N, C-alpha and C. Protein backbone atom coordinates (compact mmCIF):
# COMPACT_ATOMS: atom_id res chain seq x y z
N UNK A 1 -3.72 9.43 -8.41
CA UNK A 1 -2.93 9.58 -7.19
C UNK A 1 -2.22 10.93 -7.26
N UNK A 2 -2.42 11.72 -6.24
CA UNK A 2 -1.78 13.04 -6.24
C UNK A 2 -0.50 13.01 -5.41
N UNK A 3 0.35 14.00 -5.65
CA UNK A 3 1.60 14.13 -4.91
C UNK A 3 1.62 15.47 -4.20
N UNK A 4 2.11 15.46 -2.98
CA UNK A 4 2.26 16.69 -2.20
C UNK A 4 3.62 16.71 -1.54
N UNK A 5 4.23 17.87 -1.51
CA UNK A 5 5.45 18.08 -0.75
C UNK A 5 5.09 17.91 0.73
N UNK A 6 5.97 17.34 1.51
CA UNK A 6 5.70 17.05 2.91
C UNK A 6 5.23 18.28 3.68
N UNK A 7 5.88 19.43 3.45
CA UNK A 7 5.47 20.65 4.18
C UNK A 7 4.06 21.07 3.78
N UNK A 8 3.69 20.91 2.52
CA UNK A 8 2.34 21.25 2.09
C UNK A 8 1.31 20.28 2.69
N UNK A 9 1.69 19.00 2.76
CA UNK A 9 0.79 17.99 3.35
C UNK A 9 0.55 18.28 4.83
N UNK A 10 1.59 18.77 5.53
CA UNK A 10 1.42 19.12 6.94
C UNK A 10 0.40 20.25 7.09
N UNK A 11 0.47 21.21 6.19
CA UNK A 11 -0.44 22.35 6.26
C UNK A 11 -1.87 21.95 5.90
N UNK A 12 -2.02 20.91 5.07
CA UNK A 12 -3.34 20.47 4.61
C UNK A 12 -3.68 19.08 5.13
N UNK A 13 -3.19 18.75 6.32
CA UNK A 13 -3.30 17.39 6.83
C UNK A 13 -4.74 16.89 6.87
N UNK A 14 -5.66 17.70 7.36
CA UNK A 14 -7.07 17.28 7.44
C UNK A 14 -7.62 16.95 6.05
N UNK A 15 -7.25 17.74 5.07
CA UNK A 15 -7.70 17.51 3.69
C UNK A 15 -7.10 16.21 3.13
N UNK A 16 -5.84 15.95 3.43
CA UNK A 16 -5.18 14.73 2.97
C UNK A 16 -5.86 13.51 3.58
N UNK A 17 -6.19 13.58 4.86
CA UNK A 17 -6.87 12.47 5.53
C UNK A 17 -8.27 12.29 4.95
N UNK A 18 -8.97 13.36 4.70
CA UNK A 18 -10.31 13.27 4.10
C UNK A 18 -10.23 12.64 2.72
N UNK A 19 -9.24 13.02 1.92
CA UNK A 19 -9.06 12.41 0.60
C UNK A 19 -8.80 10.91 0.72
N UNK A 20 -8.00 10.51 1.71
CA UNK A 20 -7.73 9.09 1.92
C UNK A 20 -9.01 8.34 2.27
N UNK A 21 -9.83 8.94 3.11
CA UNK A 21 -11.10 8.32 3.47
C UNK A 21 -12.01 8.17 2.26
N UNK A 22 -11.86 9.06 1.29
CA UNK A 22 -12.66 9.01 0.06
C UNK A 22 -12.03 8.11 -1.00
N UNK A 23 -10.93 7.42 -0.64
CA UNK A 23 -10.32 6.47 -1.56
C UNK A 23 -9.19 7.01 -2.41
N UNK A 24 -8.79 8.26 -2.21
CA UNK A 24 -7.71 8.84 -3.00
C UNK A 24 -6.37 8.68 -2.27
N UNK A 25 -5.39 8.13 -2.97
CA UNK A 25 -4.06 7.97 -2.38
C UNK A 25 -3.25 9.23 -2.63
N UNK A 26 -2.42 9.59 -1.66
CA UNK A 26 -1.56 10.77 -1.79
C UNK A 26 -0.12 10.36 -1.51
N UNK A 27 0.76 10.65 -2.47
CA UNK A 27 2.19 10.38 -2.31
C UNK A 27 2.81 11.62 -1.67
N UNK A 28 3.54 11.43 -0.58
CA UNK A 28 4.23 12.53 0.09
C UNK A 28 5.68 12.54 -0.38
N UNK A 29 6.15 13.71 -0.82
CA UNK A 29 7.52 13.83 -1.32
C UNK A 29 8.31 14.76 -0.41
N UNK A 30 9.64 14.69 -0.55
CA UNK A 30 10.51 15.46 0.34
C UNK A 30 11.69 16.01 -0.45
N UNK A 31 12.07 17.22 -0.13
CA UNK A 31 13.28 17.82 -0.68
C UNK A 31 13.10 18.38 -2.08
N UNK A 32 14.21 18.94 -2.59
CA UNK A 32 14.19 19.55 -3.92
C UNK A 32 13.99 18.52 -5.02
N UNK A 33 14.39 17.30 -4.75
CA UNK A 33 14.24 16.25 -5.77
C UNK A 33 12.84 15.66 -5.78
N UNK A 34 12.03 16.05 -4.81
CA UNK A 34 10.65 15.53 -4.67
C UNK A 34 10.65 14.01 -4.62
N UNK A 35 11.58 13.48 -3.85
CA UNK A 35 11.68 12.02 -3.69
C UNK A 35 10.48 11.51 -2.88
N UNK A 36 9.75 10.51 -3.39
CA UNK A 36 8.62 9.94 -2.63
C UNK A 36 9.11 9.30 -1.33
N UNK A 37 8.44 9.62 -0.22
CA UNK A 37 8.84 9.07 1.07
C UNK A 37 7.72 8.30 1.76
N UNK A 38 6.47 8.55 1.37
CA UNK A 38 5.35 7.87 2.02
C UNK A 38 4.10 7.99 1.15
N UNK A 39 3.13 7.13 1.45
CA UNK A 39 1.83 7.18 0.78
C UNK A 39 0.75 7.17 1.86
N UNK A 40 -0.20 8.09 1.74
CA UNK A 40 -1.33 8.14 2.66
C UNK A 40 -2.50 7.45 1.97
N UNK A 41 -2.99 6.37 2.60
CA UNK A 41 -4.13 5.63 2.06
C UNK A 41 -5.14 5.42 3.17
N UNK A 42 -6.34 5.03 2.81
CA UNK A 42 -7.36 4.79 3.82
C UNK A 42 -7.01 3.55 4.64
N UNK A 43 -7.55 3.49 5.84
CA UNK A 43 -7.34 2.32 6.69
C UNK A 43 -7.90 1.07 6.02
N UNK A 44 -9.04 1.19 5.36
CA UNK A 44 -9.66 0.04 4.69
C UNK A 44 -8.75 -0.51 3.60
N UNK A 45 -8.10 0.37 2.83
CA UNK A 45 -7.16 -0.07 1.80
C UNK A 45 -5.96 -0.76 2.43
N UNK A 46 -5.44 -0.17 3.48
CA UNK A 46 -4.27 -0.73 4.14
C UNK A 46 -4.59 -2.08 4.77
N UNK A 47 -5.76 -2.18 5.40
CA UNK A 47 -6.17 -3.41 6.07
C UNK A 47 -6.27 -4.57 5.08
N UNK A 48 -6.65 -4.28 3.83
CA UNK A 48 -6.80 -5.32 2.82
C UNK A 48 -5.49 -5.84 2.28
N UNK A 49 -4.38 -5.16 2.55
CA UNK A 49 -3.07 -5.58 2.04
C UNK A 49 -2.33 -6.36 3.11
N UNK A 50 -2.54 -7.66 3.12
CA UNK A 50 -1.90 -8.52 4.12
C UNK A 50 -0.59 -9.06 3.57
N UNK A 51 0.46 -9.11 4.38
CA UNK A 51 1.71 -9.68 3.91
C UNK A 51 1.55 -11.16 3.60
N UNK A 52 2.19 -11.60 2.56
CA UNK A 52 2.11 -13.00 2.16
C UNK A 52 3.30 -13.76 2.72
N UNK A 53 3.06 -14.97 3.15
CA UNK A 53 4.11 -15.82 3.69
C UNK A 53 4.73 -16.65 2.57
N UNK A 54 6.00 -16.96 2.72
CA UNK A 54 6.66 -17.82 1.75
C UNK A 54 6.42 -19.29 2.08
N UNK A 55 5.83 -19.57 3.20
CA UNK A 55 5.57 -20.94 3.60
C UNK A 55 4.28 -21.44 2.96
N UNK A 56 4.26 -22.68 2.56
CA UNK A 56 3.08 -23.28 1.95
C UNK A 56 2.32 -24.16 2.93
N UNK A 57 2.58 -24.01 4.21
CA UNK A 57 1.88 -24.82 5.21
C UNK A 57 2.23 -26.28 5.06
N UNK A 58 1.20 -27.14 4.97
CA UNK A 58 1.44 -28.58 4.90
C UNK A 58 2.09 -28.99 3.57
N UNK A 59 2.08 -28.10 2.58
CA UNK A 59 2.68 -28.41 1.28
C UNK A 59 4.10 -27.87 1.12
N UNK A 60 4.67 -27.31 2.19
CA UNK A 60 5.96 -26.64 2.07
C UNK A 60 7.08 -27.56 1.61
N UNK A 61 6.94 -28.86 1.82
CA UNK A 61 7.99 -29.79 1.38
C UNK A 61 7.91 -30.06 -0.12
N UNK A 62 6.79 -29.67 -0.76
CA UNK A 62 6.61 -29.94 -2.17
C UNK A 62 7.03 -28.79 -3.08
N UNK A 63 7.38 -27.64 -2.52
CA UNK A 63 7.77 -26.52 -3.36
C UNK A 63 8.10 -25.29 -2.56
N UNK A 64 8.51 -24.26 -3.26
CA UNK A 64 8.89 -22.99 -2.64
C UNK A 64 8.25 -21.87 -3.45
N UNK A 65 7.63 -20.91 -2.77
CA UNK A 65 6.97 -19.80 -3.44
C UNK A 65 7.63 -18.50 -3.00
N UNK A 66 7.87 -17.62 -3.95
CA UNK A 66 8.42 -16.29 -3.66
C UNK A 66 7.45 -15.27 -4.21
N UNK A 67 6.99 -14.35 -3.37
CA UNK A 67 6.09 -13.28 -3.80
C UNK A 67 6.92 -12.00 -3.90
N UNK A 68 6.88 -11.34 -5.04
CA UNK A 68 7.59 -10.09 -5.21
C UNK A 68 6.80 -8.97 -4.53
N UNK A 69 7.49 -7.86 -4.27
CA UNK A 69 6.86 -6.75 -3.57
C UNK A 69 5.71 -6.12 -4.36
N UNK A 70 5.75 -6.21 -5.69
CA UNK A 70 4.71 -5.57 -6.49
C UNK A 70 3.55 -6.50 -6.81
N UNK A 71 3.56 -7.73 -6.30
CA UNK A 71 2.48 -8.68 -6.57
C UNK A 71 1.47 -8.58 -5.45
N UNK A 72 0.21 -8.39 -5.84
CA UNK A 72 -0.85 -8.32 -4.83
C UNK A 72 -2.12 -8.93 -5.40
N UNK A 73 -2.72 -9.80 -4.64
CA UNK A 73 -4.01 -10.38 -4.98
C UNK A 73 -4.75 -10.62 -3.66
N UNK A 74 -6.04 -10.33 -3.66
CA UNK A 74 -6.81 -10.55 -2.44
C UNK A 74 -7.03 -12.04 -2.24
N UNK A 75 -7.39 -12.44 -1.05
CA UNK A 75 -7.66 -13.86 -0.77
C UNK A 75 -8.80 -14.37 -1.65
N UNK A 76 -9.81 -13.51 -1.85
CA UNK A 76 -10.96 -13.93 -2.67
C UNK A 76 -10.54 -14.15 -4.12
N UNK A 77 -9.67 -13.28 -4.64
CA UNK A 77 -9.19 -13.45 -6.02
C UNK A 77 -8.36 -14.73 -6.15
N UNK A 78 -7.52 -14.99 -5.15
CA UNK A 78 -6.70 -16.19 -5.19
C UNK A 78 -7.53 -17.45 -5.15
N UNK A 79 -8.56 -17.46 -4.32
CA UNK A 79 -9.44 -18.63 -4.21
C UNK A 79 -10.22 -18.87 -5.48
N UNK A 80 -10.58 -17.78 -6.17
CA UNK A 80 -11.40 -17.92 -7.38
C UNK A 80 -10.59 -18.33 -8.61
N UNK A 81 -9.28 -18.37 -8.52
CA UNK A 81 -8.44 -18.75 -9.68
C UNK A 81 -8.62 -20.19 -10.06
């Protein structure tokens, strides 16, 4: 994953988008501290990251589930467990 200052990313926007299409993530940073402010990823990568609900549907009365922000598993991986 590469990092680019926001002003540099603006100048190379087409290249950043092309890299995203090729599967490379780019972290955009801002200011002298180079604080990360955004990540450019492909649409396919973004589409695969669906928010998880805390509700268990018909089983919600039997328990409570909390998903942390850094936990990610695809539906197929979850089903195969």
